[in-house]
Amino acid sequence: LTAVKASGKDTVSSAGEKHNDPPKEEPWETALKTTAVDMDVGEFRGHKVSVWDLLHSRYIPEENRKELLELYQAGELTLEQVKSVVSTIVTKAEAARAEQSANVRSPRAEPVAAEPHHSHKQED
């Protein structure tokens, strides 16, 4: 335990030295962190959430996050477009999760659970 504590102290002091010269934040990153979205779903319900936080939430798969960030940095997507896409992904993911958990939890969900198989065929 003593060795762990000692190495912990070393980490703190080296981090403290690095902290004197914080890396500059890119303008695109600042824009994502300062642009807030009102979300009405899941853990974000009733809160203003930054686009950055939404991008890094459990709702956005890593591949999607990387792709959106690359497109935004390259100027192929505007901040408004990123905000819209991320909001949509979060809303749809939360709706799907809520529907899934409702079907799993409700004992009366058996007829409902059978219906999506039919509706998928209709959608195709």
Protein backbone atom coordinates (compact mmCIF):
# COMPACT_ATOMS: atom_id res chain seq x y z
CA LEU A 1 0.00 0.00 0.00
CA THR A 2 2.87 2.36 0.74
CA ALA A 3 4.23 1.97 -2.79
CA VAL A 4 0.80 2.68 -4.28
CA LYS A 5 0.40 5.82 -2.17
CA ALA A 6 3.89 7.00 -3.12
CA SER A 7 3.24 6.51 -6.82
CA GLY A 8 -0.11 8.30 -6.38
CA LYS A 9 1.72 11.30 -4.96
CA ASP A 10 4.19 11.26 -7.84
CA THR A 11 1.30 11.25 -10.31
CA VAL A 12 -0.31 14.23 -8.57
CA SER A 13 2.90 16.27 -8.58
CA SER A 14 3.67 15.49 -12.23
CA ALA A 15 0.07 16.30 -13.17
CA GLY A 16 0.39 19.53 -11.20
CA GLU A 17 3.45 20.53 -13.21
CA LYS A 18 1.66 19.83 -16.48
CA HIS A 19 -1.39 21.75 -15.27
CA ASN A 20 0.56 25.03 -15.37
CA ASP A 21 0.47 24.88 -19.18
CA PRO A 22 -2.99 23.57 -20.11
CA PRO A 23 -3.48 22.54 -23.74
CA LYS A 24 -5.40 25.14 -25.73
CA GLU A 25 -8.89 24.07 -26.67
CA GLU A 26 -9.69 24.11 -30.36
CA PRO A 27 -12.40 26.61 -31.43
CA TRP A 28 -14.58 23.77 -32.79
CA GLU A 29 -14.30 21.97 -29.45
CA THR A 30 -15.24 25.12 -27.53
CA ALA A 31 -18.28 25.59 -29.78
CA LEU A 32 -19.47 22.03 -29.09
CA LYS A 33 -18.99 22.48 -25.34
CA THR A 34 -20.76 25.84 -25.16
CA THR A 35 -23.73 25.03 -27.41
CA ALA A 36 -26.53 23.62 -25.28
CA VAL A 37 -29.55 21.61 -26.32
CA ASP A 38 -32.80 21.15 -24.37
CA MET A 39 -33.36 17.41 -24.14
CA ASP A 40 -36.64 15.80 -23.10
CA VAL A 41 -35.47 12.19 -22.87
CA GLY A 42 -33.77 9.82 -20.48
CA GLU A 43 -31.16 11.08 -18.08
CA PHE A 44 -31.13 14.46 -19.85
CA ARG A 45 -34.87 15.16 -19.38
CA GLY A 46 -35.46 18.76 -18.41
CA HIS A 47 -31.80 19.76 -18.70
CA LYS A 48 -29.76 21.82 -21.09
CA VAL A 49 -26.93 19.60 -22.26
CA SER A 50 -23.92 20.61 -24.31
CA VAL A 51 -23.54 19.09 -27.75
CA TRP A 52 -20.13 17.85 -26.53
CA ASP A 53 -21.73 15.98 -23.61
CA LEU A 54 -24.36 14.47 -25.90
CA LEU A 55 -21.66 13.36 -28.34
CA HIS A 56 -19.81 11.64 -25.50
CA SER A 57 -22.91 10.12 -23.90
CA ARG A 58 -23.71 6.41 -23.93
CA TYR A 59 -26.27 7.06 -26.66
CA ILE A 60 -23.71 7.86 -29.36
CA PRO A 61 -21.60 4.91 -30.54
CA GLU A 62 -17.89 5.69 -30.77
CA GLU A 63 -17.83 5.24 -34.57
CA ASN A 64 -20.66 7.77 -34.98
CA ARG A 65 -18.97 10.22 -32.62
CA LYS A 66 -15.68 10.02 -34.53
CA GLU A 67 -17.42 10.43 -37.88
CA LEU A 68 -19.45 13.44 -36.69
CA LEU A 69 -16.38 15.10 -35.18
CA GLU A 70 -14.35 14.55 -38.35
CA LEU A 71 -17.11 15.96 -40.58
CA TYR A 72 -17.57 18.94 -38.27
CA GLN A 73 -13.83 19.67 -38.06
CA ALA A 74 -13.56 19.41 -41.85
CA GLY A 75 -16.36 21.97 -42.23
CA GLU A 76 -18.69 19.48 -43.92
CA LEU A 77 -21.21 19.78 -41.09
CA THR A 78 -22.27 23.00 -39.37
CA LEU A 79 -22.69 23.24 -35.61
CA GLU A 80 -26.46 23.29 -36.11
CA GLN A 81 -26.29 20.10 -38.19
CA VAL A 82 -24.19 18.32 -35.56
CA LYS A 83 -26.60 19.51 -32.86
CA SER A 84 -29.58 18.22 -34.85
CA VAL A 85 -28.01 14.84 -35.65
CA VAL A 86 -26.85 14.24 -32.08
CA SER A 87 -30.24 15.26 -30.62
CA THR A 88 -32.01 12.91 -33.03
CA ILE A 89 -29.71 9.98 -32.25
CA VAL A 90 -30.14 10.47 -28.49
CA THR A 91 -33.93 10.83 -28.79
CA LYS A 92 -34.30 7.72 -30.97
CA ALA A 93 -31.90 5.66 -28.84
CA GLU A 94 -33.73 6.59 -25.64
CA ALA A 95 -37.13 5.87 -27.23
CA ALA A 96 -35.93 2.44 -28.34
CA ARG A 97 -34.45 1.74 -24.91
CA ALA A 98 -37.64 2.83 -23.15
CA GLU A 99 -39.77 0.69 -25.46
CA GLN A 100 -37.50 -2.30 -24.93
CA SER A 101 -37.55 -1.98 -21.15
CA ALA A 102 -41.33 -1.51 -21.18
CA ASN A 103 -41.72 -4.72 -23.20
CA VAL A 104 -39.39 -6.61 -20.87
CA ARG A 105 -40.93 -5.34 -17.61
CA SER A 106 -44.63 -5.51 -18.47
CA PRO A 107 -46.23 -8.96 -18.08
CA ARG A 108 -48.96 -7.82 -20.48
CA ALA A 109 -46.38 -7.01 -23.16
CA GLU A 110 -46.50 -10.41 -24.87
CA PRO A 111 -49.02 -9.37 -27.59
CA VAL A 112 -47.13 -6.09 -28.04
CA ALA A 113 -43.80 -7.91 -28.31
CA ALA A 114 -45.19 -10.04 -31.15
CA GLU A 115 -46.36 -7.02 -33.15
CA PRO A 116 -42.97 -5.47 -34.01
CA HIS A 117 -42.13 -8.51 -36.14
CA HIS A 118 -45.17 -7.74 -38.29
CA SER A 119 -44.54 -4.00 -38.37
CA HIS A 120 -40.95 -4.51 -39.58
CA LYS A 121 -42.27 -6.45 -42.55
CA GLN A 122 -44.73 -3.64 -43.31
CA GLU A 123 -42.00 -1.00 -43.12
CA ASP A 124 -39.83 -2.88 -45.63
